[in-house]
Structures are given as structure tokens and as C-alpha cells.
């Protein structure tokens, strides 16, 4: 009699433990890969009127690469379970700090210049329409125009800015932070 109770208790305990499921993701995604299997990224065009000529293409490819590296989703051409659409809407270069000229006949100069890029993203989640959203993301990087020119640093700074914006997009859409 006691043997049957112990056996039944052990069987119940093992079924309970077997039914528990713990998932952990190093990237922090909350995706259910049984439901969400694909993603697509429409071409992001540069509507800002500034920046490198290929900036829209670079952003589109960087966004695709990031999601391929950090999720198990398959990239497809159109109509993915997750869809990303949008445009680069801002590219500005603005002075941040002025430096007095040692010569009083020359004007003051910028000691720091800031490149700011803004991206508008529409996110569509076919599995959970409550997560659909349109958001703007932006980031900036500074450089010293006294020691370098824009042409020397622009490509590198654009890449650094894109990395930050794409991480923010990832966190906002699939990590739900």
C-alpha cells in the first residue's frame, strides 16, 4: 500500500518536473519560435537629404544581419512573421562646442561636431498584432573637426550610430524591454 503511494507520488513529481519548461536567451528575445519563424526587412530609404549616398542600403543590410545573428528567424524577401519598414528621416551635423580663436581677426570655431541620425520604423508582428508599432529611433556621435575631417570619420561614425539604433530597435521589438 505504501509502495503504491510512493510510486504514485514519484510518478506525479516526475510528470510535473517534465512539464516545466525554462527558456533562456542570451539576447533577451521573447520570441516563440514555434509561432514566429520568419522576418522581412523592406528597403529603408534615406529621406533625410544628407549623409552618404548608400546610407539607406547600409542600414537595411545591417538590420538584416543583426536579426540573423541574434535570432533563429529566417530572413525572407516579403511578408515575414515579423516585418520591418521605414526610412532614415534625419541626418544632421551640428556644432556642439565652440573654441575661441587665438587670433581676434578670425572667428571662433567648433570644437566638437555632432552627427545625428534618426530612423522611423514600422514594426508588424503577424502573430501578435498588439505589438505592432511605429517608432522613431535616433542616436549621435561627436568628432573633433580640429583634428579630423568629416570625410575621414563619417563612414565609421555612421556605422557606430547604426549599431546603437539597431540595438534599440531589437530591444524594442523582440526583447520587449
Protein backbone atom coordinates (compact mmCIF):
# COMPACT_ATOMS: atom_id res chain seq x y z
CA UNK A 1 0.00 0.00 0.00
CA UNK A 2 2.74 2.48 0.95
CA UNK A 3 4.79 1.36 -2.02
CA UNK A 4 1.92 2.29 -4.37
CA UNK A 5 1.55 5.73 -2.74
CA UNK A 6 5.28 6.40 -3.03
CA UNK A 7 5.29 5.20 -6.64
CA UNK A 8 2.27 7.36 -7.48
CA UNK A 9 3.88 10.34 -5.76
CA UNK A 10 7.17 9.85 -7.66
CA UNK A 11 5.30 9.46 -10.95
CA UNK A 12 3.35 12.67 -10.28
CA UNK A 13 6.52 14.52 -9.33
CA UNK A 14 8.38 13.38 -12.44
CA UNK A 15 5.47 14.41 -14.68
CA UNK A 16 5.36 17.80 -13.00
CA UNK A 17 9.10 18.35 -13.45
CA UNK A 18 8.98 17.14 -17.06
CA UNK A 19 6.19 19.59 -17.86
CA UNK A 20 8.18 22.55 -16.58
CA UNK A 21 9.95 24.41 -19.33
CA UNK A 22 12.60 27.02 -18.74
CA UNK A 23 13.89 29.05 -21.64
CA UNK A 24 16.77 31.45 -21.54
CA UNK A 25 18.06 33.64 -24.31
CA UNK A 26 21.41 35.41 -24.22
CA UNK A 27 19.97 38.10 -26.49
CA UNK A 28 16.89 38.60 -24.33
CA UNK A 29 14.36 37.81 -27.04
CA UNK A 30 10.83 36.88 -26.09
CA UNK A 31 10.11 35.16 -29.38
CA UNK A 32 8.21 31.88 -29.58
CA UNK A 33 9.97 30.15 -32.47
CA UNK A 34 7.07 27.70 -32.80
CA UNK A 35 4.87 30.61 -33.87
CA UNK A 36 7.30 33.19 -35.27
CA UNK A 37 9.63 31.67 -37.84
CA UNK A 38 10.47 34.39 -40.38
CA UNK A 39 11.21 38.08 -40.69
CA UNK A 40 11.43 40.52 -43.58
CA UNK A 41 13.01 43.94 -43.92
CA UNK A 42 11.81 46.36 -46.58
CA UNK A 43 14.40 48.72 -48.05
CA UNK A 44 14.96 51.70 -45.80
CA UNK A 45 15.37 54.77 -47.96
CA UNK A 46 17.33 57.85 -46.98
CA UNK A 47 14.67 60.56 -46.81
CA UNK A 48 16.89 62.86 -44.74
CA UNK A 49 18.55 64.65 -47.64
CA UNK A 50 22.02 64.12 -46.15
CA UNK A 51 24.63 61.52 -45.38
CA UNK A 52 26.45 59.02 -47.56
CA UNK A 53 24.70 58.07 -50.79
CA UNK A 54 24.40 54.41 -49.78
CA UNK A 55 23.20 55.06 -46.23
CA UNK A 56 19.73 53.53 -46.73
CA UNK A 57 21.18 50.35 -48.19
CA UNK A 58 23.77 50.10 -45.38
CA UNK A 59 21.09 50.44 -42.71
CA UNK A 60 18.83 47.85 -44.36
CA UNK A 61 21.65 45.29 -44.59
CA UNK A 62 22.89 45.99 -41.05
CA UNK A 63 19.36 45.48 -39.66
CA UNK A 64 19.00 42.16 -41.52
CA UNK A 65 22.43 40.99 -40.34
CA UNK A 66 21.71 41.86 -36.72
CA UNK A 67 18.47 39.89 -36.62
CA UNK A 68 20.07 36.92 -38.39
CA UNK A 69 22.92 36.86 -35.85
CA UNK A 70 20.75 37.32 -32.77
CA UNK A 71 17.63 35.27 -33.52
CA UNK A 72 16.73 31.93 -35.06
CA UNK A 73 14.39 33.62 -37.53
CA UNK A 74 14.72 33.00 -41.24
CA UNK A 75 15.08 36.09 -43.43
CA UNK A 76 12.62 36.09 -46.32
CA UNK A 77 12.03 38.65 -49.07
CA UNK A 78 8.48 39.75 -48.15
CA UNK A 79 5.66 39.15 -45.67
CA UNK A 80 7.67 37.71 -42.78
CA UNK A 81 6.03 36.88 -39.47
CA UNK A 82 7.89 39.97 -38.26
CA UNK A 83 8.14 42.87 -40.72
CA UNK A 84 10.28 46.00 -40.57
CA UNK A 85 9.55 49.01 -42.77
CA UNK A 86 10.76 52.56 -42.55
CA UNK A 87 13.13 55.29 -43.59
CA UNK A 88 16.09 57.33 -42.42
CA UNK A 89 14.41 60.62 -41.63
CA UNK A 90 17.21 62.66 -40.11
CA UNK A 91 20.88 63.25 -40.79
CA UNK A 92 22.31 66.39 -39.24
CA UNK A 93 25.74 67.73 -38.47
CA UNK A 94 25.71 70.40 -35.78
CA UNK A 95 28.36 72.22 -33.74
CA UNK A 96 28.39 71.29 -30.05
CA UNK A 97 31.15 73.38 -28.52
CA UNK A 98 32.87 76.49 -29.75
CA UNK A 99 36.55 77.15 -29.32
CA UNK A 100 37.85 80.70 -29.25
CA UNK A 101 40.29 81.57 -31.95
CA UNK A 102 43.69 82.76 -30.68
CA UNK A 103 43.64 85.40 -33.40
CA UNK A 104 41.00 88.06 -32.79
CA UNK A 105 40.59 88.64 -36.53
CA UNK A 106 39.42 85.05 -37.07
CA UNK A 107 36.01 83.76 -35.98
CA UNK A 108 35.53 81.18 -33.25
CA UNK A 109 35.40 77.57 -34.45
CA UNK A 110 33.52 74.46 -33.47
CA UNK A 111 35.46 72.31 -31.02
CA UNK A 112 33.06 69.39 -31.39
CA UNK A 113 30.69 68.47 -34.19
CA UNK A 114 27.80 66.04 -33.79
CA UNK A 115 26.34 63.70 -36.40
CA UNK A 116 22.76 62.72 -35.52
CA UNK A 117 20.78 60.10 -37.43
CA UNK A 118 17.08 59.42 -36.96
CA UNK A 119 15.18 56.41 -38.27
CA UNK A 120 11.43 55.87 -38.34
CA UNK A 121 10.44 52.20 -38.10
CA UNK A 122 7.12 50.45 -38.56
CA UNK A 123 7.12 47.04 -36.86
CA UNK A 124 4.48 44.46 -37.77
CA UNK A 125 4.10 41.23 -35.81
CA UNK A 126 1.63 38.94 -37.58
CA UNK A 127 1.49 36.57 -34.60
CA UNK A 128 0.65 39.32 -32.09
CA UNK A 129 -0.86 42.45 -33.60
CA UNK A 130 -0.85 44.20 -30.21
CA UNK A 131 2.93 44.55 -30.63
CA UNK A 132 2.62 46.41 -33.95
CA UNK A 133 4.11 49.86 -33.61
CA UNK A 134 5.61 52.88 -35.35
CA UNK A 135 8.56 54.37 -33.51
CA UNK A 136 11.37 56.80 -34.09
CA UNK A 137 14.92 55.98 -33.05
CA UNK A 138 17.92 58.28 -33.08
CA UNK A 139 21.49 58.36 -31.91
CA UNK A 140 24.53 60.59 -32.34
CA UNK A 141 28.32 60.60 -32.33
CA UNK A 142 30.70 63.51 -31.86
CA UNK A 143 34.00 64.21 -33.56
CA UNK A 144 36.67 66.91 -33.31
CA UNK A 145 36.84 68.93 -36.56
CA UNK A 146 40.17 70.44 -35.47
CA UNK A 147 41.95 67.09 -35.75
CA UNK A 148 39.93 65.28 -38.42
CA UNK A 149 37.62 65.98 -41.32
CA UNK A 150 34.09 64.70 -41.80
CA UNK A 151 35.24 62.63 -44.78
CA UNK A 152 37.77 60.84 -42.57
CA UNK A 153 35.28 59.82 -39.86
CA UNK A 154 31.83 59.81 -41.45
CA UNK A 155 31.73 56.14 -42.51
CA UNK A 156 32.90 54.91 -39.10
CA UNK A 157 30.56 57.21 -37.15
CA UNK A 158 27.56 56.25 -39.28
CA UNK A 159 28.28 52.56 -38.55
CA UNK A 160 28.55 53.23 -34.79
CA UNK A 161 25.28 55.18 -34.85
CA UNK A 162 23.56 52.41 -36.84
CA UNK A 163 24.73 49.79 -34.31
CA UNK A 164 23.10 51.74 -31.47
CA UNK A 165 19.87 52.38 -33.35
CA UNK A 166 19.59 48.74 -34.44
CA UNK A 167 20.17 47.52 -30.88
CA UNK A 168 17.39 49.85 -29.74
CA UNK A 169 15.08 48.53 -32.47
CA UNK A 170 15.88 44.93 -31.49
CA UNK A 171 15.26 45.63 -27.81
CA UNK A 172 12.03 47.48 -28.51
CA UNK A 173 10.57 44.89 -30.88
CA UNK A 174 11.64 41.37 -29.91
CA UNK A 175 13.15 41.77 -26.45
CA UNK A 176 10.20 43.88 -25.20
CA UNK A 177 12.21 45.86 -22.68
